[in-house]
PDB file of N, CA and C in Angstrom:
ATOM      1  N   MET A   1      -3.080 -18.150  -2.337  1.00  0.00           N
ATOM      2  CA  MET A   1      -1.655 -18.333  -2.543  1.00  0.00           C
ATOM      3  C   MET A   1      -1.181 -19.603  -1.852  1.00  0.00           C
ATOM      4  N   ILE A   2      -1.594 -19.794  -0.611  1.00  0.00           N
ATOM      5  CA  ILE A   2      -1.168 -20.975   0.135  1.00  0.00           C
ATOM      6  C   ILE A   2      -1.776 -22.227  -0.486  1.00  0.00           C
ATOM      7  N   LEU A   3      -3.030 -22.116  -0.947  1.00  0.00           N
ATOM      8  CA  LEU A   3      -3.677 -23.258  -1.587  1.00  0.00           C
ATOM      9  C   LEU A   3      -2.922 -23.668  -2.850  1.00  0.00           C
ATOM     10  N   SER A   4      -2.464 -22.694  -3.625  1.00  0.00           N
ATOM     11  CA  SER A   4      -1.679 -22.993  -4.826  1.00  0.00           C
ATOM     12  C   SER A   4      -0.365 -23.680  -4.462  1.00  0.00           C
ATOM     13  N   LEU A   5       0.264 -23.217  -3.402  1.00  0.00           N
ATOM     14  CA  LEU A   5       1.522 -23.815  -2.954  1.00  0.00           C
ATOM     15  C   LEU A   5       1.307 -25.263  -2.517  1.00  0.00           C
ATOM     16  N   ILE A   6       0.255 -25.495  -1.758  1.00  0.00           N
ATOM     17  CA  ILE A   6      -0.049 -26.857  -1.303  1.00  0.00           C
ATOM     18  C   ILE A   6      -0.377 -27.751  -2.493  1.00  0.00           C
ATOM     19  N   LEU A   7      -1.183 -27.231  -3.427  1.00  0.00           N
ATOM     20  CA  LEU A   7      -1.540 -28.007  -4.614  1.00  0.00           C
ATOM     21  C   LEU A   7      -0.297 -28.342  -5.442  1.00  0.00           C
ATOM     22  N   GLY A   8       0.604 -27.386  -5.607  1.00  0.00           N
ATOM     23  CA  GLY A   8       1.849 -27.628  -6.328  1.00  0.00           C
ATOM     24  C   GLY A   8       2.704 -28.679  -5.648  1.00  0.00           C
ATOM     25  N   PHE A   9       2.752 -28.622  -4.326  1.00  0.00           N
ATOM     26  CA  PHE A   9       3.521 -29.609  -3.571  1.00  0.00           C
ATOM     27  C   PHE A   9       2.938 -31.008  -3.754  1.00  0.00           C
ATOM     28  N   VAL A  10       1.616 -31.127  -3.682  1.00  0.00           N
ATOM     29  CA  VAL A  10       0.960 -32.430  -3.836  1.00  0.00           C
ATOM     30  C   VAL A  10       1.189 -32.979  -5.245  1.00  0.00           C
ATOM     31  N   ILE A  11       1.049 -32.130  -6.258  1.00  0.00           N
ATOM     32  CA  ILE A  11       1.277 -32.574  -7.637  1.00  0.00           C
ATOM     33  C   ILE A  11       2.736 -32.982  -7.836  1.00  0.00           C
ATOM     34  N   GLY A  12       3.656 -32.206  -7.296  1.00  0.00           N
ATOM     35  CA  GLY A  12       5.080 -32.545  -7.401  1.00  0.00           C
ATOM     36  C   GLY A  12       5.403 -33.862  -6.716  1.00  0.00           C
ATOM     37  N   ALA A  13       4.849 -34.072  -5.535  1.00  0.00           N
ATOM     38  CA  ALA A  13       5.082 -35.332  -4.825  1.00  0.00           C
ATOM     39  C   ALA A  13       4.492 -36.498  -5.605  1.00  0.00           C
ATOM     40  N   GLY A  14       3.305 -36.285  -6.172  1.00  0.00           N
ATOM     41  CA  GLY A  14       2.689 -37.338  -6.994  1.00  0.00           C
ATOM     42  C   GLY A  14       3.531 -37.659  -8.210  1.00  0.00           C
ATOM     43  N   ALA A  15       4.115 -36.642  -8.826  1.00  0.00           N
ATOM     44  CA  ALA A  15       4.969 -36.852 -10.002  1.00  0.00           C
ATOM     45  C   ALA A  15       6.222 -37.635  -9.629  1.00  0.00           C
ATOM     46  N   ILE A  16       6.814 -37.320  -8.499  1.00  0.00           N
ATOM     47  CA  ILE A  16       8.017 -38.041  -8.061  1.00  0.00           C
ATOM     48  C   ILE A  16       7.691 -39.505  -7.784  1.00  0.00           C
ATOM     49  N   ILE A  17       6.578 -39.752  -7.108  1.00  0.00           N
ATOM     50  CA  ILE A  17       6.169 -41.138  -6.837  1.00  0.00           C
ATOM     51  C   ILE A  17       5.909 -41.874  -8.145  1.00  0.00           C
ATOM     52  N   PHE A  18       5.251 -41.194  -9.089  1.00  0.00           N
ATOM     53  CA  PHE A  18       4.966 -41.803 -10.391  1.00  0.00           C
ATOM     54  C   PHE A  18       6.258 -42.181 -11.107  1.00  0.00           C
ATOM     55  N   ILE A  19       7.214 -41.284 -11.118  1.00  0.00           N
ATOM     56  CA  ILE A  19       8.487 -41.546 -11.798  1.00  0.00           C
ATOM     57  C   ILE A  19       9.223 -42.716 -11.148  1.00  0.00           C
ATOM     58  N   LEU A  20       9.231 -42.765  -9.825  1.00  0.00           N
ATOM     59  CA  LEU A  20       9.934 -43.844  -9.132  1.00  0.00           C
ATOM     60  C   LEU A  20       9.282 -45.204  -9.368  1.00  0.00           C
ATOM     61  N   GLN A  21       7.971 -45.236  -9.593  1.00  0.00           N
ATOM     62  CA  GLN A  21       7.282 -46.510  -9.768  1.00  0.00           C
ATOM     63  C   GLN A  21       7.186 -46.956 -11.225  1.00  0.00           C
ATOM     64  N   ASN A  22       7.505 -46.092 -12.178  1.00  0.00           N
ATOM     65  CA  ASN A  22       7.364 -46.434 -13.597  1.00  0.00           C
ATOM     66  C   ASN A  22       8.694 -46.257 -14.317  1.00  0.00           C
ATOM     67  N   THR A  23       9.603 -47.168 -14.045  1.00  0.00           N
ATOM     68  CA  THR A  23      10.928 -47.072 -14.654  1.00  0.00           C
ATOM     69  C   THR A  23      11.087 -47.984 -15.862  1.00  0.00           C
ATOM     70  N   ALA A  24      10.015 -48.654 -16.268  1.00  0.00           N
ATOM     71  CA  ALA A  24      10.096 -49.563 -17.416  1.00  0.00           C
ATOM     72  C   ALA A  24      10.435 -48.787 -18.680  1.00  0.00           C
ATOM     73  N   THR A  25      11.159 -49.437 -19.574  1.00  0.00           N
ATOM     74  CA  THR A  25      11.548 -48.813 -20.834  1.00  0.00           C
ATOM     75  C   THR A  25      10.499 -49.128 -21.889  1.00  0.00           C
ATOM     76  N   VAL A  26      10.131 -48.104 -22.665  1.00  0.00           N
ATOM     77  CA  VAL A  26       9.163 -48.289 -23.746  1.00  0.00           C
ATOM     78  C   VAL A  26       9.779 -47.800 -25.047  1.00  0.00           C
ATOM     79  N   ALA A  27       9.369 -48.443 -26.151  1.00  0.00           N
ATOM     80  CA  ALA A  27       9.840 -48.034 -27.477  1.00  0.00           C
ATOM     81  C   ALA A  27       8.770 -47.148 -28.107  1.00  0.00           C
ATOM     82  N   LEU A  28       9.194 -46.015 -28.637  1.00  0.00           N
ATOM     83  CA  LEU A  28       8.270 -45.068 -29.256  1.00  0.00           C
ATOM     84  C   LEU A  28       8.616 -44.870 -30.718  1.00  0.00           C
ATOM     85  N   SER A  29       7.573 -44.724 -31.531  1.00  0.00           N
ATOM     86  CA  SER A  29       7.746 -44.404 -32.951  1.00  0.00           C
ATOM     87  C   SER A  29       6.858 -43.208 -33.255  1.00  0.00           C
ATOM     88  N   PHE A  30       7.455 -42.195 -33.883  1.00  0.00           N
ATOM     89  CA  PHE A  30       6.697 -40.994 -34.220  1.00  0.00           C
ATOM     90  C   PHE A  30       7.223 -40.443 -35.533  1.00  0.00           C
ATOM     91  N   ILE A  31       6.426 -40.502 -36.578  1.00  0.00           N
ATOM     92  CA  ILE A  31       6.755 -39.992 -37.914  1.00  0.00           C
ATOM     93  C   ILE A  31       8.177 -40.398 -38.326  1.00  0.00           C
ATOM     94  N   GLY A  32       8.449 -41.656 -38.263  1.00  0.00           N
ATOM     95  CA  GLY A  32       9.750 -42.141 -38.698  1.00  0.00           C
ATOM     96  C   GLY A  32      10.818 -42.130 -37.616  1.00  0.00           C
ATOM     97  N   TRP A  33      10.618 -41.422 -36.546  1.00  0.00           N
ATOM     98  CA  TRP A  33      11.584 -41.424 -35.454  1.00  0.00           C
ATOM     99  C   TRP A  33      11.271 -42.589 -34.537  1.00  0.00           C
ATOM    100  N   GLN A  34      12.302 -43.245 -34.073  1.00  0.00           N
ATOM    101  CA  GLN A  34      12.123 -44.338 -33.128  1.00  0.00           C
ATOM    102  C   GLN A  34      13.150 -44.184 -32.013  1.00  0.00           C
ATOM    103  N   PHE A  35      12.662 -44.294 -30.790  1.00  0.00           N
ATOM    104  CA  PHE A  35      13.588 -44.224 -29.661  1.00  0.00           C
ATOM    105  C   PHE A  35      12.982 -44.944 -28.468  1.00  0.00           C
ATOM    106  N   GLU A  36      13.827 -45.247 -27.504  1.00  0.00           N
ATOM    107  CA  GLU A  36      13.399 -45.901 -26.274  1.00  0.00           C
ATOM    108  C   GLU A  36      13.631 -44.952 -25.112  1.00  0.00           C
ATOM    109  N   SER A  37      12.688 -44.983 -24.188  1.00  0.00           N
ATOM    110  CA  SER A  37      12.789 -44.095 -23.032  1.00  0.00           C
ATOM    111  C   SER A  37      11.981 -44.683 -21.880  1.00  0.00           C
ATOM    112  N   SER A  38      12.154 -44.124 -20.724  1.00  0.00           N
ATOM    113  CA  SER A  38      11.401 -44.539 -19.547  1.00  0.00           C
ATOM    114  C   SER A  38       9.929 -44.154 -19.722  1.00  0.00           C
ATOM    115  N   LEU A  39       9.044 -45.019 -19.262  1.00  0.00           N
ATOM    116  CA  LEU A  39       7.608 -44.755 -19.353  1.00  0.00           C
ATOM    117  C   LEU A  39       7.247 -43.471 -18.615  1.00  0.00           C
ATOM    118  N   ALA A  40       7.856 -43.247 -17.478  1.00  0.00           N
ATOM    119  CA  ALA A  40       7.564 -42.043 -16.697  1.00  0.00           C
ATOM    120  C   ALA A  40       7.928 -40.786 -17.478  1.00  0.00           C
ATOM    121  N   ILE A  41       9.079 -40.805 -18.137  1.00  0.00           N
ATOM    122  CA  ILE A  41       9.504 -39.633 -18.910  1.00  0.00           C
ATOM    123  C   ILE A  41       8.555 -39.387 -20.070  1.00  0.00           C
ATOM    124  N   VAL A  42       8.124 -40.456 -20.731  1.00  0.00           N
ATOM    125  CA  VAL A  42       7.198 -40.314 -21.860  1.00  0.00           C
ATOM    126  C   VAL A  42       5.874 -39.708 -21.387  1.00  0.00           C
ATOM    127  N   VAL A  43       5.342 -40.215 -20.286  1.00  0.00           N
ATOM    128  CA  VAL A  43       4.068 -39.698 -19.774  1.00  0.00           C
ATOM    129  C   VAL A  43       4.224 -38.251 -19.310  1.00  0.00           C
ATOM    130  N   MET A  44       5.307 -37.942 -18.615  1.00  0.00           N
ATOM    131  CA  MET A  44       5.524 -36.574 -18.134  1.00  0.00           C
ATOM    132  C   MET A  44       5.693 -35.606 -19.309  1.00  0.00           C
ATOM    133  N   LEU A  45       6.431 -36.012 -20.346  1.00  0.00           N
ATOM    134  CA  LEU A  45       6.576 -35.152 -21.524  1.00  0.00           C
ATOM    135  C   LEU A  45       5.234 -34.954 -22.226  1.00  0.00           C
ATOM    136  N   SER A  46       4.429 -36.002 -22.274  1.00  0.00           N
ATOM    137  CA  SER A  46       3.101 -35.884 -22.878  1.00  0.00           C
ATOM    138  C   SER A  46       2.239 -34.896 -22.095  1.00  0.00           C
ATOM    139  N   MET A  47       2.309 -34.970 -20.774  1.00  0.00           N
ATOM    140  CA  MET A  47       1.560 -34.022 -19.941  1.00  0.00           C
ATOM    141  C   MET A  47       2.062 -32.602 -20.166  1.00  0.00           C
ATOM    142  N   LEU A  48       3.363 -32.438 -20.251  1.00  0.00           N
ATOM    143  CA  LEU A  48       3.946 -31.120 -20.465  1.00  0.00           C
ATOM    144  C   LEU A  48       3.506 -30.535 -21.804  1.00  0.00           C
ATOM    145  N   VAL A  49       3.512 -31.353 -22.848  1.00  0.00           N
ATOM    146  CA  VAL A  49       3.060 -30.893 -24.166  1.00  0.00           C
ATOM    147  C   VAL A  49       1.586 -30.491 -24.099  1.00  0.00           C
ATOM    148  N   GLY A  50       0.771 -31.262 -23.391  1.00  0.00           N
ATOM    149  CA  GLY A  50      -0.643 -30.922 -23.226  1.00  0.00           C
ATOM    150  C   GLY A  50      -0.834 -29.602 -22.505  1.00  0.00           C
ATOM    151  N   ILE A  51      -0.031 -29.363 -21.470  1.00  0.00           N
ATOM    152  CA  ILE A  51      -0.111 -28.099 -20.730  1.00  0.00           C
ATOM    153  C   ILE A  51       0.273 -26.933 -21.628  1.00  0.00           C
ATOM    154  N   VAL A  52       1.340 -27.096 -22.397  1.00  0.00           N
ATOM    155  CA  VAL A  52       1.785 -26.028 -23.299  1.00  0.00           C
ATOM    156  C   VAL A  52       0.708 -25.716 -24.331  1.00  0.00           C
ATOM    157  N   PHE A  53       0.112 -26.756 -24.929  1.00  0.00           N
ATOM    158  CA  PHE A  53      -0.940 -26.524 -25.924  1.00  0.00           C
ATOM    159  C   PHE A  53      -2.159 -25.845 -25.300  1.00  0.00           C
ATOM    160  N   SER A  54      -2.525 -26.229 -24.092  1.00  0.00           N
ATOM    161  CA  SER A  54      -3.684 -25.594 -23.457  1.00  0.00           C
ATOM    162  C   SER A  54      -3.391 -24.133 -23.118  1.00  0.00           C
ATOM    163  N   LEU A  55      -2.158 -23.842 -22.712  1.00  0.00           N
ATOM    164  CA  LEU A  55      -1.790 -22.447 -22.454  1.00  0.00           C
ATOM    165  C   LEU A  55      -1.809 -21.629 -23.741  1.00  0.00           C
ATOM    166  N   LEU A  56      -1.296 -22.203 -24.820  1.00  0.00           N
ATOM    167  CA  LEU A  56      -1.320 -21.505 -26.110  1.00  0.00           C
ATOM    168  C   LEU A  56      -2.752 -21.273 -26.581  1.00  0.00           C
ATOM    169  N   ALA A  57      -3.628 -22.221 -26.327  1.00  0.00           N
ATOM    170  CA  ALA A  57      -5.026 -22.077 -26.736  1.00  0.00           C
ATOM    171  C   ALA A  57      -5.747 -21.016 -25.916  1.00  0.00           C
ATOM    172  N   SER A  58      -5.280 -20.751 -24.700  1.00  0.00           N
ATOM    173  CA  SER A  58      -5.950 -19.762 -23.848  1.00  0.00           C
ATOM    174  C   SER A  58      -5.443 -18.339 -24.082  1.00  0.00           C
ATOM    175  N   ILE A  59      -4.383 -18.167 -24.850  1.00  0.00           N
ATOM    176  CA  ILE A  59      -3.826 -16.830 -25.085  1.00  0.00           C
ATOM    177  C   ILE A  59      -4.825 -15.887 -25.751  1.00  0.00           C
ATOM    178  N   PRO A  60      -5.532 -16.284 -26.822  1.00  0.00           N
ATOM    179  CA  PRO A  60      -6.479 -15.340 -27.438  1.00  0.00           C
ATOM    180  C   PRO A  60      -7.543 -14.832 -26.467  1.00  0.00           C
ATOM    181  N   SER A  61      -8.046 -15.708 -25.629  1.00  0.00           N
ATOM    182  CA  SER A  61      -9.051 -15.302 -24.648  1.00  0.00           C
ATOM    183  C   SER A  61      -8.460 -14.311 -23.648  1.00  0.00           C
ATOM    184  N   ALA A  62      -7.245 -14.559 -23.204  1.00  0.00           N
ATOM    185  CA  ALA A  62      -6.591 -13.661 -22.253  1.00  0.00           C
ATOM    186  C   ALA A  62      -6.332 -12.297 -22.878  1.00  0.00           C
ATOM    187  N   VAL A  63      -5.937 -12.276 -24.146  1.00  0.00           N
ATOM    188  CA  VAL A  63      -5.691 -11.004 -24.838  1.00  0.00           C
ATOM    189  C   VAL A  63      -6.998 -10.232 -24.981  1.00  0.00           C
ATOM    190  N   ARG A  64      -8.081 -10.938 -25.372  1.00  0.00           N
ATOM    191  CA  ARG A  64      -9.384 -10.278 -25.497  1.00  0.00           C
ATOM    192  C   ARG A  64      -9.830  -9.693 -24.162  1.00  0.00           C
ATOM    193  N   SER A  65      -9.653 -10.442 -23.089  1.00  0.00           N
ATOM    194  CA  SER A  65     -10.034  -9.956 -21.763  1.00  0.00           C
ATOM    195  C   SER A  65      -9.217  -8.732 -21.381  1.00  0.00           C
ATOM    196  N   SER A  66      -7.929  -8.767 -21.654  1.00  0.00           N
ATOM    197  CA  SER A  66      -7.055  -7.638 -21.336  1.00  0.00           C
ATOM    198  C   SER A  66      -7.463  -6.395 -22.114  1.00  0.00           C
ATOM    199  N   MET A  67      -7.795  -6.577 -23.393  1.00  0.00           N
ATOM    200  CA  MET A  67      -8.224  -5.435 -24.204  1.00  0.00           C
ATOM    201  C   MET A  67      -9.552  -4.878 -23.697  1.00  0.00           C
ATOM    202  N   ALA A  68     -10.464  -5.753 -23.294  1.00  0.00           N
ATOM    203  CA  ALA A  68     -11.755  -5.303 -22.767  1.00  0.00           C
ATOM    204  C   ALA A  68     -11.560  -4.542 -21.462  1.00  0.00           C
ATOM    205  N   ILE A  69     -10.678  -5.020 -20.603  1.00  0.00           N
ATOM    206  CA  ILE A  69     -10.406  -4.329 -19.340  1.00  0.00           C
ATOM    207  C   ILE A  69      -9.830  -2.951 -19.607  1.00  0.00           C
ATOM    208  N   SER A  70      -8.897  -2.857 -20.538  1.00  0.00           N
ATOM    209  CA  SER A  70      -8.294  -1.571 -20.885  1.00  0.00           C
ATOM    210  C   SER A  70      -9.354  -0.605 -21.417  1.00  0.00           C
ATOM    211  N   ARG A  71     -10.220  -1.097 -22.302  1.00  0.00           N
ATOM    212  CA  ARG A  71     -11.278  -0.257 -22.872  1.00  0.00           C
ATOM    213  C   ARG A  71     -12.233   0.212 -21.777  1.00  0.00           C
ATOM    214  N   LEU A  72     -12.597  -0.675 -20.864  1.00  0.00           N
ATOM    215  CA  LEU A  72     -13.513  -0.312 -19.793  1.00  0.00           C
ATOM    216  C   LEU A  72     -12.879   0.671 -18.812  1.00  0.00           C
ATOM    217  N   LYS A  73     -11.576   0.553 -18.572  1.00  0.00           N
ATOM    218  CA  LYS A  73     -10.894   1.522 -17.704  1.00  0.00           C
ATOM    219  C   LYS A  73     -10.922   2.910 -18.322  1.00  0.00           C
ATOM    220  N   LYS A  74     -10.681   2.999 -19.645  1.00  0.00           N
ATOM    221  CA  LYS A  74     -10.741   4.291 -20.328  1.00  0.00           C
ATOM    222  C   LYS A  74     -12.149   4.862 -20.269  1.00  0.00           C
ATOM    223  N   GLN A  75     -13.143   4.001 -20.486  1.00  0.00           N
ATOM    224  CA  GLN A  75     -14.532   4.451 -20.441  1.00  0.00           C
ATOM    225  C   GLN A  75     -14.888   4.922 -19.034  1.00  0.00           C
ATOM    226  N   ASN A  76     -14.428   4.214 -18.027  1.00  0.00           N
ATOM    227  CA  ASN A  76     -14.682   4.595 -16.643  1.00  0.00           C
ATOM    228  C   ASN A  76     -14.073   5.960 -16.340  1.00  0.00           C
ATOM    229  N   LYS A  77     -12.837   6.179 -16.773  1.00  0.00           N
ATOM    230  CA  LYS A  77     -12.176   7.462 -16.541  1.00  0.00           C
ATOM    231  C   LYS A  77     -12.940   8.583 -17.228  1.00  0.00           C
ATOM    232  N   SER A  78     -13.376   8.343 -18.458  1.00  0.00           N
ATOM    233  CA  SER A  78     -14.133   9.346 -19.199  1.00  0.00           C
ATOM    234  C   SER A  78     -15.443   9.671 -18.490  1.00  0.00           C
ATOM    235  N   LEU A  79     -16.133   8.650 -18.000  1.00  0.00           N
ATOM    236  CA  LEU A  79     -17.398   8.879 -17.299  1.00  0.00           C
ATOM    237  C   LEU A  79     -17.180   9.597 -15.969  1.00  0.00           C
ATOM    238  N   GLN A  80     -16.089   9.312 -15.286  1.00  0.00           N
ATOM    239  CA  GLN A  80     -15.788  10.021 -14.040  1.00  0.00           C
ATOM    240  C   GLN A  80     -15.521  11.498 -14.311  1.00  0.00           C
ATOM    241  N   GLU A  81     -14.784  11.787 -15.392  1.00  0.00           N
ATOM    242  CA  GLU A  81     -14.524  13.181 -15.750  1.00  0.00           C
ATOM    243  C   GLU A  81     -15.823  13.886 -16.117  1.00  0.00           C
ATOM    244  N   GLU A  82     -16.685  13.205 -16.851  1.00  0.00           N
ATOM    245  CA  GLU A  82     -17.975  13.786 -17.239  1.00  0.00           C
ATOM    246  C   GLU A  82     -18.832  14.052 -16.000  1.00  0.00           C
ATOM    247  N   THR A  83     -18.811  13.138 -15.045  1.00  0.00           N
ATOM    248  CA  THR A  83     -19.561  13.323 -13.802  1.00  0.00           C
ATOM    249  C   THR A  83     -19.040  14.531 -13.039  1.00  0.00           C
ATOM    250  N   GLN A  84     -17.716  14.686 -12.982  1.00  0.00           N
ATOM    251  CA  GLN A  84     -17.141  15.845 -12.302  1.00  0.00           C
ATOM    252  C   GLN A  84     -17.561  17.146 -12.981  1.00  0.00           C
ATOM    253  N   GLU A  85     -17.614  17.156 -14.317  1.00  0.00           N
ATOM    254  CA  GLU A  85     -18.057  18.349 -15.039  1.00  0.00           C
ATOM    255  C   GLU A  85     -19.505  18.677 -14.695  1.00  0.00           C
ATOM    256  N   TYR A  86     -20.374  17.660 -14.648  1.00  0.00           N
ATOM    257  CA  TYR A  86     -21.776  17.886 -14.303  1.00  0.00           C
ATOM    258  C   TYR A  86     -21.912  18.395 -12.874  1.00  0.00           C
ATOM    259  N   LEU A  87     -21.129  17.848 -11.950  1.00  0.00           N
ATOM    260  CA  LEU A  87     -21.173  18.320 -10.563  1.00  0.00           C
ATOM    261  C   LEU A  87     -20.723  19.772 -10.467  1.00  0.00           C
ATOM    262  N   HIS A  88     -19.670  20.117 -11.191  1.00  0.00           N
ATOM    263  CA  HIS A  88     -19.171  21.489 -11.186  1.00  0.00           C
ATOM    264  C   HIS A  88     -20.231  22.435 -11.756  1.00  0.00           C
ATOM    265  N   THR A  89     -20.867  22.040 -12.860  1.00  0.00           N
ATOM    266  CA  THR A  89     -21.914  22.862 -13.469  1.00  0.00           C
ATOM    267  C   THR A  89     -23.092  23.017 -12.515  1.00  0.00           C
ATOM    268  N   ALA A  90     -23.472  21.946 -11.832  1.00  0.00           N
ATOM    269  CA  ALA A  90     -24.580  22.009 -10.884  1.00  0.00           C
ATOM    270  C   ALA A  90     -24.241  22.918  -9.710  1.00  0.00           C
ATOM    271  N   GLN A  91     -23.006  22.869  -9.224  1.00  0.00           N
ATOM    272  CA  GLN A  91     -22.602  23.736  -8.116  1.00  0.00           C
ATOM    273  C   GLN A  91     -22.615  25.201  -8.541  1.00  0.00           C
ATOM    274  N   GLU A  92     -22.148  25.482  -9.762  1.00  0.00           N
ATOM    275  CA  GLU A  92     -22.177  26.861 -10.263  1.00  0.00           C
ATOM    276  C   GLU A  92     -23.605  27.349 -10.408  1.00  0.00           C
ATOM    277  N   ALA A  93     -24.492  26.505 -10.930  1.00  0.00           N
ATOM    278  CA  ALA A  93     -25.893  26.896 -11.096  1.00  0.00           C
ATOM    279  C   ALA A  93     -26.544  27.137  -9.746  1.00  0.00           C
ATOM    280  N   THR A  94     -26.238  26.312  -8.765  1.00  0.00           N
ATOM    281  CA  THR A  94     -26.788  26.496  -7.422  1.00  0.00           C
ATOM    282  C   THR A  94     -26.277  27.790  -6.811  1.00  0.00           C
ATOM    283  N   ALA A  95     -25.007  28.085  -7.004  1.00  0.00           N
ATOM    284  CA  ALA A  95     -24.434  29.327  -6.465  1.00  0.00           C
ATOM    285  C   ALA A  95     -25.078  30.538  -7.125  1.00  0.00           C
ATOM    286  N   ARG A  96     -25.290  30.510  -8.451  1.00  0.00           N
ATOM    287  CA  ARG A  96     -25.949  31.628  -9.144  1.00  0.00           C
ATOM    288  C   ARG A  96     -27.384  31.785  -8.673  1.00  0.00           C
ATOM    289  N   LEU A  97     -28.080  30.672  -8.495  1.00  0.00           N
ATOM    290  CA  LEU A  97     -29.467  30.717  -8.047  1.00  0.00           C
ATOM    291  C   LEU A  97     -29.557  31.301  -6.647  1.00  0.00           C
ATOM    292  N   ASN A  98     -28.658  30.911  -5.769  1.00  0.00           N
ATOM    293  CA  ASN A  98     -28.657  31.441  -4.402  1.00  0.00           C
ATOM    294  C   ASN A  98     -28.291  32.918  -4.376  1.00  0.00           C
ATOM    295  N   ALA A  99     -27.464  33.359  -5.315  1.00  0.00           N
ATOM    296  CA  ALA A  99     -27.050  34.767  -5.344  1.00  0.00           C
ATOM    297  C   ALA A  99     -28.167  35.666  -5.862  1.00  0.00           C
ATOM    298  N   THR A 100     -29.026  35.165  -6.736  1.00  0.00           N
ATOM    299  CA  THR A 100     -30.071  36.006  -7.329  1.00  0.00           C
ATOM    300  C   THR A 100     -31.395  35.923  -6.597  1.00  0.00           C
ATOM    301  N   THR A 101     -31.645  34.924  -5.806  1.00  0.00           N
ATOM    302  CA  THR A 101     -32.920  34.799  -5.099  1.00  0.00           C
ATOM    303  C   THR A 101     -32.782  35.356  -3.690  1.00  0.00           C
ATOM    304  N   PRO A 102     -33.732  36.208  -3.311  1.00  0.00           N
ATOM    305  CA  PRO A 102     -33.685  36.715  -1.932  1.00  0.00           C
ATOM    306  C   PRO A 102     -34.075  35.602  -0.959  1.00  0.00           C
ATOM    307  N   PRO A 103     -33.598  35.712   0.253  1.00  0.00           N
ATOM    308  CA  PRO A 103     -33.948  34.688   1.238  1.00  0.00           C
ATOM    309  C   PRO A 103     -35.454  34.744   1.525  1.00  0.00           C
ATOM    310  N   PRO A 104     -36.077  33.629   1.790  1.00  0.00           N
ATOM    311  CA  PRO A 104     -37.519  33.624   2.055  1.00  0.00           C
ATOM    312  C   PRO A 104     -37.829  34.325   3.373  1.00  0.00           C
ATOM    313  N   THR A 105     -38.965  35.018   3.364  1.00  0.00           N
ATOM    314  CA  THR A 105     -39.406  35.686   4.600  1.00  0.00           C
ATOM    315  C   THR A 105     -40.413  34.795   5.288  1.00  0.00           C
ATOM    316  N   HIS A 106     -40.367  34.818   6.597  1.00  0.00           N
ATOM    317  CA  HIS A 106     -41.267  33.976   7.376  1.00  0.00           C
ATOM    318  C   HIS A 106     -42.544  34.754   7.660  1.00  0.00           C
ATOM    319  N   PRO A 107     -43.699  34.128   7.471  1.00  0.00           N
ATOM    320  CA  PRO A 107     -44.958  34.835   7.724  1.00  0.00           C
ATOM    321  C   PRO A 107     -45.137  35.204   9.190  1.00  0.00           C
ATOM    322  N   SER A 108     -44.496  34.536  10.080  1.00  0.00           N
ATOM    323  CA  SER A 108     -44.666  34.846  11.505  1.00  0.00           C
ATOM    324  C   SER A 108     -43.946  36.135  11.884  1.00  0.00           C
ATOM    325  N   ALA A 109     -43.032  36.605  11.053  1.00  0.00           N
ATOM    326  CA  ALA A 109     -42.271  37.812  11.366  1.00  0.00           C
ATOM    327  C   ALA A 109     -43.093  39.056  11.111  1.00  0.00           C
ATOM    328  N   MET A 110     -44.210  38.999  10.424  1.00  0.00           N
ATOM    329  CA  MET A 110     -45.006  40.188  10.123  1.00  0.00           C
ATOM    330  C   MET A 110     -45.890  40.583  11.201  1.00  0.00           C
TER     331      MET A 110
END
């Protein structure tokens, strides 16, 4: 958590320094649109668009992982219940066996 905070602070400080040092105006053309803006704003918007696209691209993987975790949790619960049933059956069988078998006699007692 602290490492993320420090990393965010360093990136934010770097972005502020970048913006302050790149105030030149650039002309942009995109599919018939033309406008002028600060170089820093253009670069920052480009980075932001890249981040958004990478996050959108990672959504399917995150959904698959979440579904796998959910499936494995259900399977784990089912296996735990099955284990408890086997333990209960084993305890009942042991109790029946102990009730029907006489205690062993020691040969030294004769």
